[in-house]
Protein backbone atom coordinates (compact mmCIF):
# COMPACT_ATOMS: atom_id res chain seq x y z
CA UNK A 1 266.71 124.06 12.00
CA UNK A 2 266.82 127.12 14.15
CA UNK A 3 262.99 127.12 14.49
CA UNK A 4 262.93 123.53 15.67
CA UNK A 5 265.67 124.24 18.14
CA UNK A 6 263.76 127.18 19.48
CA UNK A 7 260.59 125.10 19.87
CA UNK A 8 262.54 122.39 21.59
CA UNK A 9 264.09 124.88 23.97
CA UNK A 10 260.64 126.35 24.71
CA UNK A 11 259.19 122.95 25.45
CA UNK A 12 262.11 122.13 27.70
CA UNK A 13 261.75 125.45 29.45
CA UNK A 14 257.99 124.85 29.96
CA UNK A 15 258.63 121.35 31.31
CA UNK A 16 261.34 122.62 33.64
CA UNK A 17 259.10 125.49 34.84
CA UNK A 18 256.26 123.12 35.52
CA UNK A 19 258.44 120.70 37.43
CA UNK A 20 260.05 123.49 39.37
CA UNK A 21 256.57 124.87 40.28
CA UNK A 22 255.41 121.51 41.62
CA UNK A 23 258.63 121.25 43.61
CA UNK A 24 258.12 124.63 45.20
CA UNK A 25 254.49 123.76 46.03
CA UNK A 26 255.63 120.55 47.68
CA UNK A 27 258.21 122.41 49.75
CA UNK A 28 255.53 124.98 50.85
CA UNK A 29 253.02 122.23 51.74
CA UNK A 30 255.63 120.47 53.86
CA UNK A 31 256.16 123.75 55.80
CA UNK A 32 252.47 124.29 56.35
CA UNK A 33 251.92 120.68 57.50
CA UNK A 34 254.55 121.11 60.14
CA UNK A 35 253.01 124.34 61.46
CA UNK A 36 249.50 122.78 61.60
CA UNK A 37 250.75 119.81 63.57
CA UNK A 38 252.32 122.20 66.01
CA UNK A 39 249.01 124.13 66.36
CA UNK A 40 247.07 120.88 66.90
CA UNK A 41 249.49 119.77 69.57
CA UNK A 42 249.22 123.18 71.26
CA UNK A 43 245.38 123.00 71.20
CA UNK A 44 245.45 119.48 72.64
CA UNK A 45 247.67 120.61 75.47
CA UNK A 46 245.34 123.56 76.21
CA UNK A 47 242.26 121.30 76.05
CA UNK A 48 243.85 118.88 78.54
CA UNK A 49 244.62 121.76 80.89
CA UNK A 50 241.01 123.08 80.60
CA UNK A 51 239.56 119.62 81.18
CA UNK A 52 241.77 119.16 84.23
CA UNK A 53 240.74 122.57 85.58
CA UNK A 54 237.02 121.86 84.96
CA UNK A 55 237.33 118.48 86.64
CA UNK A 56 238.97 120.04 89.68
CA UNK A 57 236.26 122.75 89.88
CA UNK A 58 233.51 120.10 89.58
CA UNK A 59 235.08 118.03 92.31
CA UNK A 60 235.30 121.07 94.60
CA UNK A 61 231.64 122.00 93.91
CA UNK A 62 230.47 118.42 94.44
CA UNK A 63 232.32 118.25 97.74
CA UNK A 64 230.73 121.55 98.81
CA UNK A 65 227.22 120.35 97.81
CA UNK A 66 227.72 117.03 99.59
CA UNK A 67 228.86 118.88 102.72
CA UNK A 68 225.79 121.21 102.63
CA UNK A 69 223.32 118.36 102.01
CA UNK A 70 224.90 116.34 104.80
CA UNK A 71 224.48 119.25 107.26
CA UNK A 72 220.85 119.78 106.15
CA UNK A 73 220.08 116.11 106.62
CA UNK A 74 221.59 116.22 110.09
CA UNK A 75 219.43 119.29 110.96
CA UNK A 76 216.28 117.57 109.67
CA UNK A 77 217.10 114.44 111.61
CA UNK A 78 217.45 116.62 114.72
CA UNK A 79 214.08 118.31 114.04
CA UNK A 80 212.37 114.98 113.46
CA UNK A 81 213.83 113.69 116.71
CA UNK A 82 212.50 116.70 118.60
CA UNK A 83 209.05 116.31 116.95
CA UNK A 84 208.97 112.65 117.83
CA UNK A 85 209.83 113.40 121.45
CA UNK A 86 207.10 116.10 121.58
CA UNK A 87 204.49 113.73 120.13
CA UNK A 88 205.42 111.07 122.66
CA UNK A 89 205.00 113.56 125.52
CA UNK A 90 201.66 114.73 124.10
CA UNK A 91 200.43 111.17 123.79
CA UNK A 92 201.36 110.52 127.40
CA UNK A 93 199.51 113.72 128.44
CA UNK A 94 196.40 112.69 126.47
CA UNK A 95 196.43 109.27 128.09
CA UNK A 96 196.55 110.89 131.49
CA UNK A 97 193.69 113.27 130.61
CA UNK A 98 191.60 110.39 129.34
CA UNK A 99 192.09 108.61 132.66
CA UNK A 100 190.99 111.76 134.52
CA UNK A 101 187.94 112.11 132.27
CA UNK A 102 186.96 108.49 132.89
CA UNK A 103 187.24 109.03 136.62
CA UNK A 104 185.12 112.23 136.43
CA UNK A 105 182.53 110.43 134.30
CA UNK A 106 182.16 107.68 136.87
CA UNK A 107 181.88 110.26 139.63
CA UNK A 108 179.20 112.23 137.73
CA UNK A 109 177.30 109.07 137.00
CA UNK A 110 177.29 108.17 140.70
CA UNK A 111 176.13 111.70 141.65
CA UNK A 112 173.37 111.63 139.02
CA UNK A 113 172.02 108.37 140.42
CA UNK A 114 172.12 109.88 143.91
CA UNK A 115 170.29 113.00 142.71
CA UNK A 116 167.66 110.83 141.06
CA UNK A 117 167.11 108.94 144.29
CA UNK A 118 166.85 112.22 146.28
CA UNK A 119 164.37 113.66 143.73
CA UNK A 120 162.17 110.58 143.91
CA UNK A 121 162.29 110.74 147.69
CA UNK A 122 161.40 114.47 147.64
CA UNK A 123 158.50 113.94 145.19
CA UNK A 124 157.23 111.10 147.39
CA UNK A 125 157.34 113.34 150.51
CA UNK A 126 155.69 116.24 148.59
CA UNK A 127 152.91 113.96 147.43
CA UNK A 128 152.38 112.70 150.98
CA UNK A 129 152.26 116.31 152.22
CA UNK A 130 149.71 117.29 149.57
CA UNK A 131 147.52 114.34 150.49
CA UNK A 132 147.72 115.31 154.16
CA UNK A 133 146.84 118.94 153.32
CA UNK A 134 143.89 117.83 151.16
CA UNK A 135 142.59 115.64 154.01
CA UNK A 136 142.93 118.53 156.49
CA UNK A 137 141.40 121.19 154.17
CA UNK A 138 138.82 118.95 152.56
CA UNK A 139 139.78 120.29 149.06
CA UNK A 140 141.62 118.78 146.10
CA UNK A 141 144.77 120.39 144.71
CA UNK A 142 142.94 121.89 141.70
CA UNK A 143 140.13 123.23 143.91
CA UNK A 144 142.61 124.79 146.30
CA UNK A 145 144.54 126.30 143.41
CA UNK A 146 141.42 127.79 141.86
CA UNK A 147 140.28 129.17 145.22
CA UNK A 148 143.67 130.76 145.84
CA UNK A 149 143.75 132.29 142.34
CA UNK A 150 140.29 133.76 142.86
CA UNK A 151 141.30 135.33 146.14
CA UNK A 152 144.51 136.77 144.66
CA UNK A 153 142.69 138.02 141.55
CA UNK A 154 139.99 139.76 143.60
CA UNK A 155 142.54 141.23 146.04
CA UNK A 156 145.08 142.41 143.47
CA UNK A 157 142.87 143.00 140.43
CA UNK A 158 143.56 146.71 140.38
CA UNK A 159 147.32 146.26 140.89
CA UNK A 160 147.47 143.64 138.14
CA UNK A 161 145.47 145.84 135.79
CA UNK A 162 147.70 148.86 136.47
CA UNK A 163 150.87 146.81 135.98
CA UNK A 164 149.61 145.20 132.78
CA UNK A 165 148.63 148.59 131.42
CA UNK A 166 152.04 149.99 132.32
CA UNK A 167 153.90 147.11 130.68
CA UNK A 168 151.71 147.27 127.59
CA UNK A 169 152.02 151.04 127.36
CA UNK A 170 155.81 150.93 127.67
CA UNK A 171 156.11 148.15 125.07
CA UNK A 172 153.70 149.83 122.68
CA UNK A 173 155.40 153.20 123.11
CA UNK A 174 158.81 151.66 122.45
CA UNK A 175 157.75 149.92 119.24
CA UNK A 176 155.62 152.86 118.14
CA UNK A 177 158.64 155.18 118.47
CA UNK A 178 160.73 152.82 116.35
CA UNK A 179 157.97 152.44 113.74
CA UNK A 180 157.37 156.20 113.69
CA UNK A 181 161.07 156.84 113.10
CA UNK A 182 161.14 154.44 110.16
CA UNK A 183 157.91 155.74 108.64
CA UNK A 184 158.83 159.40 109.21
CA UNK A 185 162.17 158.83 107.50
CA UNK A 186 160.44 157.20 104.55
CA UNK A 187 157.85 160.00 104.21
CA UNK A 188 160.42 162.80 104.53
CA UNK A 189 162.67 161.26 101.88
CA UNK A 190 159.81 160.76 99.40
CA UNK A 191 157.66 163.71 98.48
CA UNK A 192 156.13 163.41 95.02
CA UNK A 193 153.68 165.93 93.66
CA UNK A 194 150.13 164.64 93.47
CA UNK A 195 148.04 164.62 90.31
CA UNK A 196 144.30 164.27 90.32
CA UNK A 197 142.06 163.09 87.47
CA UNK A 198 138.45 162.01 87.03
CA UNK A 199 136.48 159.96 84.53
CA UNK A 200 136.27 162.79 82.03
CA UNK A 201 138.75 165.04 80.23
CA UNK A 202 138.06 168.62 79.15
CA UNK A 203 139.49 169.85 75.85
CA UNK A 204 139.72 173.63 75.42
CA UNK A 205 138.61 175.03 72.05
CA UNK A 206 140.23 177.98 70.22
CA UNK A 207 136.79 179.37 69.35
CA UNK A 208 133.09 178.49 69.39
CA UNK A 209 132.91 177.97 65.60
CA UNK A 210 135.03 174.80 65.88
CA UNK A 211 132.17 173.08 67.73
CA UNK A 212 130.17 173.02 64.50
CA UNK A 213 133.02 171.36 62.61
CA UNK A 214 133.45 168.78 65.33
CA UNK A 215 129.75 167.89 65.26
CA UNK A 216 129.61 167.92 61.47
CA UNK A 217 126.66 167.77 59.16
CA UNK A 218 123.83 165.91 60.91
CA UNK A 219 126.40 164.81 63.54
CA UNK A 220 128.49 162.66 61.15
CA UNK A 221 131.84 163.87 62.44
CA UNK A 222 131.10 163.43 66.15
CA UNK A 223 129.61 159.98 65.56
CA UNK A 224 132.68 158.93 63.53
CA UNK A 225 134.94 160.31 66.26
CA UNK A 226 133.08 158.43 69.02
CA UNK A 227 133.07 155.22 66.95
CA UNK A 228 136.83 155.45 66.25
CA UNK A 229 137.85 156.31 69.82
CA UNK A 230 135.22 154.47 71.90
CA UNK A 231 134.46 157.51 74.07
CA UNK A 232 131.50 159.84 74.62
CA UNK A 233 131.92 163.43 73.43
CA UNK A 234 129.76 165.90 75.35
CA UNK A 235 129.14 169.22 73.59
CA UNK A 236 127.11 171.50 75.84
CA UNK A 237 126.73 175.19 76.52
CA UNK A 238 130.10 175.41 78.31
CA UNK A 239 131.97 178.11 76.41
CA UNK A 240 135.27 177.17 74.80
CA UNK A 241 135.32 173.54 76.00
CA UNK A 242 134.26 170.01 75.03
CA UNK A 243 134.16 167.09 77.51
CA UNK A 244 135.42 163.59 76.65
CA UNK A 245 134.01 160.88 78.91
CA UNK A 246 135.08 157.24 79.25
CA UNK A 247 135.89 154.69 81.96
CA UNK A 248 139.03 153.73 79.98
CA UNK A 249 141.73 156.37 80.64
CA UNK A 250 143.75 155.28 77.59
CA UNK A 251 140.81 155.90 75.29
CA UNK A 252 140.27 159.32 76.85
CA UNK A 253 143.88 160.30 76.17
CA UNK A 254 143.79 158.99 72.62
CA UNK A 255 140.59 160.95 72.02
CA UNK A 256 142.07 164.12 73.55
CA UNK A 257 145.24 163.96 71.42
CA UNK A 258 143.27 163.14 68.26
CA UNK A 259 140.80 165.98 68.82
CA UNK A 260 143.58 168.50 69.47
CA UNK A 261 145.38 167.41 66.28
CA UNK A 262 142.14 167.66 64.28
CA UNK A 263 141.55 171.19 65.52
CA UNK A 264 145.13 172.16 64.55
CA UNK A 265 144.71 170.61 61.06
CA UNK A 266 141.24 172.12 60.56
CA UNK A 267 140.06 169.35 58.18
CA UNK A 268 137.50 167.48 60.28
CA UNK A 269 135.78 164.69 58.32
CA UNK A 270 135.19 160.93 58.91
CA UNK A 271 138.16 159.72 56.81
CA UNK A 272 140.52 162.23 58.37
CA UNK A 273 139.19 161.40 61.83
CA UNK A 274 140.05 157.69 61.50
CA UNK A 275 143.57 158.46 60.30
CA UNK A 276 144.17 161.01 63.07
CA UNK A 277 142.84 158.68 65.76
CA UNK A 278 145.21 155.93 64.58
CA UNK A 279 148.18 158.31 64.74
CA UNK A 280 147.10 159.50 68.20
CA UNK A 281 146.88 155.89 69.36
CA UNK A 282 150.48 155.29 68.18
CA UNK A 283 151.58 158.48 69.95
CA UNK A 284 149.93 157.39 73.21
CA UNK A 285 151.56 153.94 72.91
CA UNK A 286 154.96 155.62 72.68
CA UNK A 287 154.16 157.68 75.78
CA UNK A 288 153.00 154.53 77.63
CA UNK A 289 156.23 152.69 76.84
CA UNK A 290 158.32 155.71 77.82
CA UNK A 291 156.48 156.17 81.13
CA UNK A 292 156.90 152.50 82.04
CA UNK A 293 160.62 152.56 81.31
CA UNK A 294 161.07 155.83 83.21
CA UNK A 295 159.24 154.50 86.28
CA UNK A 296 161.30 151.28 86.39
CA UNK A 297 164.53 153.23 85.93
CA UNK A 298 163.60 155.81 88.57
CA UNK A 299 163.06 153.23 91.33
CA UNK A 300 165.92 150.95 90.24
CA UNK A 301 163.92 147.87 89.15
CA UNK A 302 165.71 146.46 86.14
CA UNK A 303 165.52 143.38 83.86
CA UNK A 304 161.75 143.54 83.45
CA UNK A 305 160.18 142.24 80.26
CA UNK A 306 159.58 145.10 77.74
CA UNK A 307 155.95 144.05 77.38
CA UNK A 308 155.55 144.22 81.13
CA UNK A 309 156.93 147.77 81.07
CA UNK A 310 154.26 148.68 78.53
CA UNK A 311 151.56 147.36 80.85
CA UNK A 312 153.16 149.29 83.72
CA UNK A 313 153.19 152.48 81.62
CA UNK A 314 149.40 152.26 81.14
CA UNK A 315 149.07 153.14 84.84
CA UNK A 316 150.23 156.66 83.94
CA UNK A 317 146.68 157.29 82.67
CA UNK A 318 144.96 155.41 85.53
CA UNK A 319 143.77 157.06 88.75
CA UNK A 320 142.48 155.77 92.08
CA UNK A 321 140.52 158.22 94.25
CA UNK A 322 142.06 160.99 92.18
CA UNK A 323 145.64 159.72 92.76
CA UNK A 324 147.75 158.82 89.72
CA UNK A 325 148.43 155.10 90.06
CA UNK A 326 151.87 155.12 88.39
CA UNK A 327 153.07 158.00 90.60
CA UNK A 328 151.55 156.21 93.58
CA UNK A 329 153.45 153.02 92.63
CA UNK A 330 156.82 154.74 92.20
CA UNK A 331 156.34 156.59 95.48
CA UNK A 332 155.50 153.27 97.15
CA UNK A 333 158.65 151.70 95.69
CA UNK A 334 160.83 154.41 97.25
CA UNK A 335 159.07 154.09 100.62
CA UNK A 336 159.26 150.27 100.58
CA UNK A 337 162.97 150.36 99.77
CA UNK A 338 163.67 152.70 102.69
CA UNK A 339 161.67 150.58 105.15
CA UNK A 340 163.21 147.32 103.89
CA UNK A 341 166.69 148.73 104.34
CA UNK A 342 165.85 149.85 107.87
CA UNK A 343 164.41 146.48 108.99
CA UNK A 344 166.90 144.28 107.10
CA UNK A 345 164.52 142.83 104.48
CA UNK A 346 165.24 142.22 100.78
CA UNK A 347 165.30 145.75 99.29
CA UNK A 348 164.99 144.59 95.65
CA UNK A 349 161.95 142.38 96.34
CA UNK A 350 160.23 145.11 98.39
CA UNK A 351 160.93 147.78 95.75
CA UNK A 352 159.73 145.63 92.82
CA UNK A 353 156.69 144.35 94.72
CA UNK A 354 155.63 147.94 95.52
CA UNK A 355 156.17 149.13 91.92
CA UNK A 356 154.11 146.27 90.45
CA UNK A 357 151.46 145.94 93.21
CA UNK A 358 148.70 147.71 91.22
CA UNK A 359 149.67 146.53 87.73
CA UNK A 360 146.34 144.70 87.46
CA UNK A 361 144.58 148.07 87.38
CA UNK A 362 146.08 148.69 83.94
CA UNK A 363 143.66 146.14 82.41
CA UNK A 364 141.01 145.61 85.13
CA UNK A 365 138.37 147.20 82.89
CA UNK A 366 139.17 144.61 80.19
CA UNK A 367 139.79 141.45 82.28
CA UNK A 368 137.49 140.00 84.96
CA UNK A 369 138.73 139.62 88.52
CA UNK A 370 140.21 141.84 91.22
CA UNK A 371 143.24 143.89 90.29
CA UNK A 372 145.34 141.80 92.69
CA UNK A 373 144.39 138.53 90.98
CA UNK A 374 144.84 140.09 87.52
CA UNK A 375 148.25 141.42 88.58
CA UNK A 376 149.35 137.96 89.85
CA UNK A 377 148.44 136.41 86.50
CA UNK A 378 150.28 139.15 84.57
CA UNK A 379 153.46 138.81 86.63
CA UNK A 380 153.38 134.99 86.43
CA UNK A 381 153.00 135.23 82.65
CA UNK A 382 156.16 137.32 82.37
CA UNK A 383 158.17 135.01 84.71
CA UNK A 384 158.60 137.56 87.49
CA UNK A 385 160.38 136.33 90.63
CA UNK A 386 157.85 134.42 92.86
CA UNK A 387 159.07 136.36 95.91
CA UNK A 388 158.02 139.62 94.19
CA UNK A 389 154.59 138.16 93.45
CA UNK A 390 154.25 137.12 97.12
CA UNK A 391 155.23 140.66 98.18
CA UNK A 392 152.56 142.35 96.00
CA UNK A 393 149.63 139.95 96.37
CA UNK A 394 148.96 140.62 100.08
CA UNK A 395 148.66 144.42 100.02
CA UNK A 396 144.85 144.20 100.26
CA UNK A 397 144.98 141.04 102.44
CA UNK A 398 143.40 138.92 99.72
CA UNK A 399 146.33 136.54 100.18
CA UNK A 400 148.29 135.73 103.35
CA UNK A 401 151.57 137.45 104.23
CA UNK A 402 154.20 134.89 103.20
CA UNK A 403 157.41 136.95 103.42
CA UNK A 404 158.59 140.11 105.25
CA UNK A 405 158.43 142.14 102.05
CA UNK A 406 154.65 141.56 101.78
CA UNK A 407 154.17 143.44 105.08
CA UNK A 408 156.42 146.25 103.85
CA UNK A 409 154.47 146.64 100.58
CA UNK A 410 151.20 146.82 102.53
CA UNK A 411 152.64 149.45 104.90
CA UNK A 412 154.06 151.48 101.99
CA UNK A 413 150.64 151.37 100.28
CA UNK A 414 148.98 152.69 103.43
CA UNK A 415 151.57 155.49 103.79
CA UNK A 416 151.32 156.61 100.18
CA UNK A 417 147.53 156.41 99.95
CA UNK A 418 146.64 157.46 103.49
CA UNK A 419 148.68 160.60 103.99
CA UNK A 420 146.64 163.85 103.86
CA UNK A 421 145.83 165.05 100.37
CA UNK A 422 146.94 161.89 98.61
CA UNK A 423 143.45 160.75 97.70
CA UNK A 424 140.03 162.28 97.43
CA UNK A 425 136.85 160.82 98.88
CA UNK A 426 133.27 161.97 98.84
CA UNK A 427 131.69 163.51 101.92
CA UNK A 428 128.98 160.86 101.85
CA UNK A 429 131.47 157.98 101.99
CA UNK A 430 133.40 159.76 104.74
CA UNK A 431 130.34 160.26 106.92
CA UNK A 432 129.16 156.71 106.24
CA UNK A 433 132.48 155.26 107.36
CA UNK A 434 132.38 157.29 110.60
CA UNK A 435 128.81 156.22 111.32
CA UNK A 436 129.68 152.56 110.75
CA UNK A 437 132.59 152.79 113.21
CA UNK A 438 130.37 154.39 115.87
CA UNK A 439 127.62 151.87 115.19
CA UNK A 440 129.97 148.90 115.77
CA UNK A 441 131.16 150.46 119.05
CA UNK A 442 127.62 151.20 120.31
CA UNK A 443 126.50 147.61 119.62
CA UNK A 444 128.37 146.41 122.75
CA UNK A 445 126.77 146.59 126.24
CA UNK A 446 128.05 149.10 128.79
CA UNK A 447 128.83 151.81 126.20
CA UNK A 448 127.92 155.37 127.14
CA UNK A 449 129.21 157.34 124.11
CA UNK A 450 131.48 156.74 121.13
CA UNK A 451 133.16 159.12 118.71
CA UNK A 452 134.96 158.36 115.42
CA UNK A 453 137.80 160.87 114.98
CA UNK A 454 140.98 161.43 112.93
CA UNK A 455 139.17 160.75 109.63
CA UNK A 456 138.04 157.34 110.84
CA UNK A 457 141.51 156.29 112.02
CA UNK A 458 140.47 156.24 115.70
CA UNK A 459 137.29 155.58 117.64
CA UNK A 460 137.06 156.77 121.24
CA UNK A 461 134.58 154.93 123.44
CA UNK A 462 133.36 156.04 126.86
CA UNK A 463 131.98 153.20 129.01
CA UNK A 464 129.73 153.31 132.06
CA UNK A 465 132.03 152.85 135.06
CA UNK A 466 129.36 151.22 137.18
CA UNK A 467 128.83 148.48 134.56
CA UNK A 468 132.37 147.93 133.15
CA UNK A 469 135.47 147.32 135.28
CA UNK A 470 139.03 148.20 134.26
CA UNK A 471 139.75 144.57 133.33
CA UNK A 472 136.55 144.33 131.30
CA UNK A 473 137.44 147.57 129.51
CA UNK A 474 140.59 145.98 128.12
CA UNK A 475 138.61 142.96 126.93
CA UNK A 476 135.96 145.26 125.44
CA UNK A 477 138.59 147.17 123.40
CA UNK A 478 139.90 143.91 121.94
CA UNK A 479 136.38 142.66 121.11
CA UNK A 480 135.45 145.92 119.36
CA UNK A 481 138.69 145.88 117.34
CA UNK A 482 138.00 142.28 116.22
CA UNK A 483 134.44 143.19 115.19
CA UNK A 484 135.67 146.21 113.18
CA UNK A 485 138.19 143.96 111.40
CA UNK A 486 135.52 141.40 110.50
CA UNK A 487 132.64 143.73 109.58
CA UNK A 488 134.12 146.88 108.03
CA UNK A 489 136.39 147.76 105.10
CA UNK A 490 138.83 150.58 105.74
CA UNK A 491 142.32 151.71 104.64
CA UNK A 492 145.20 151.37 107.08
CA UNK A 493 144.27 150.69 110.71
CA UNK A 494 141.74 151.92 113.26
CA UNK A 495 142.75 152.66 116.84
CA UNK A 496 140.15 151.58 119.43
CA UNK A 497 140.45 153.70 122.58
CA UNK A 498 138.17 152.63 125.46
CA UNK A 499 137.98 155.20 128.28
CA UNK A 500 136.60 154.41 131.77
CA UNK A 501 136.16 157.21 134.26
CA UNK A 502 136.85 156.29 137.89
CA UNK A 503 134.76 158.16 140.48
CA UNK A 504 134.81 157.95 144.28
CA UNK A 505 131.74 159.62 145.86
CA UNK A 506 130.99 159.97 149.58
CA UNK A 507 128.42 162.09 151.42
CA UNK A 508 129.06 163.92 154.70
CA UNK A 509 125.96 164.28 156.87
């Protein structure tokens, strides 16, 4: 019984505890709900106050913006009103000017008609006066004009001649001074060393015994060498030297390098010769490419085809009258650039045209035609600028001068080739050229003596004063210059100087 009572009491205690716990929880929840409602009401009041404040601020800002926009609109309306008034006044002014112009036009038209009438009247009176003068003089207008010109020419021939000579001398001196300044500047700024070469190359030998090895048994080695290189090897009594001869400068250089390498190696036999010649040819090709690239870089001509640079490099082994053609071309490029800059021409075209002007000489022994025509075909093949081709093709006057740069290239060629020491010529050719100049001068009537001087750059002609007048002397100089141009070939230009001695002789008896 006591255990059951205890269990019953425990159950009742648990039930009472549970009920009491739920009651306390309900009381607590009721307290919390009341505090939350108070917080919500407080937040709603604050939100209403914030909304009211925001609304008031927005209304104030909107009123301010409306006021500012209204004032701006009023200012713009005022500006537009002023602009409209100004345009109206301008339109009125233009209308008035147009009326004045119309009035002036009518006045000018009336004056022009009056001038036309006066001119016709004056021409009519002039014609009547000429007819009256012709009737009185018995000569037509053309006859009277010719007669008057003859009288004036005979009376003032000497004065006219002196004045013409003075004007021509002053003009020539002025332009000569300018040209001399430009050319002198170009020459002073470009001063390359000159290299001379001929159609043969001499190879020095370390000793005389090597000649026997080069010739070989029954001449086998020298024949194999000549066959492999395409040159002629001359072994004579000259001590310590062998001469290599060929019109092709590339072959001569290949042969020289191959022969020097064979002498260093010491094993001279046909098989070794062919191998050495092939290596020498590769070595020369490397030098050719290098020289072409160096020349183009030195003068500032870029973007050329690599194959064209190889052709250009071949000029390193080509000479003209003893002058190295590649050095001559680079020197010309510098001179042409200086002159082009002075006269306002295209510097790039002048420089490139001068550098490539003799490129045809690199293969002229292999291809038919003049070196100018060959060069034109080479440059066209490698898509060189047509203006550069025009600049280079006229330097020997085979083609007409078609742009200013063509004149500059021709002048640069004459400067580089014609300055003292640049090229070598034989005494026979020199004397022949002088005799031809004097012969052309002596072929004209009235010539007393003629002398070719300044290495054929000038011919001085003395005329007989009793047969040639001062006016005829000027005509004679021009005729002789034209005949020299048509009959003779010469570098640069030839100055024709006709001299007439004036004498006044009287006898006192």
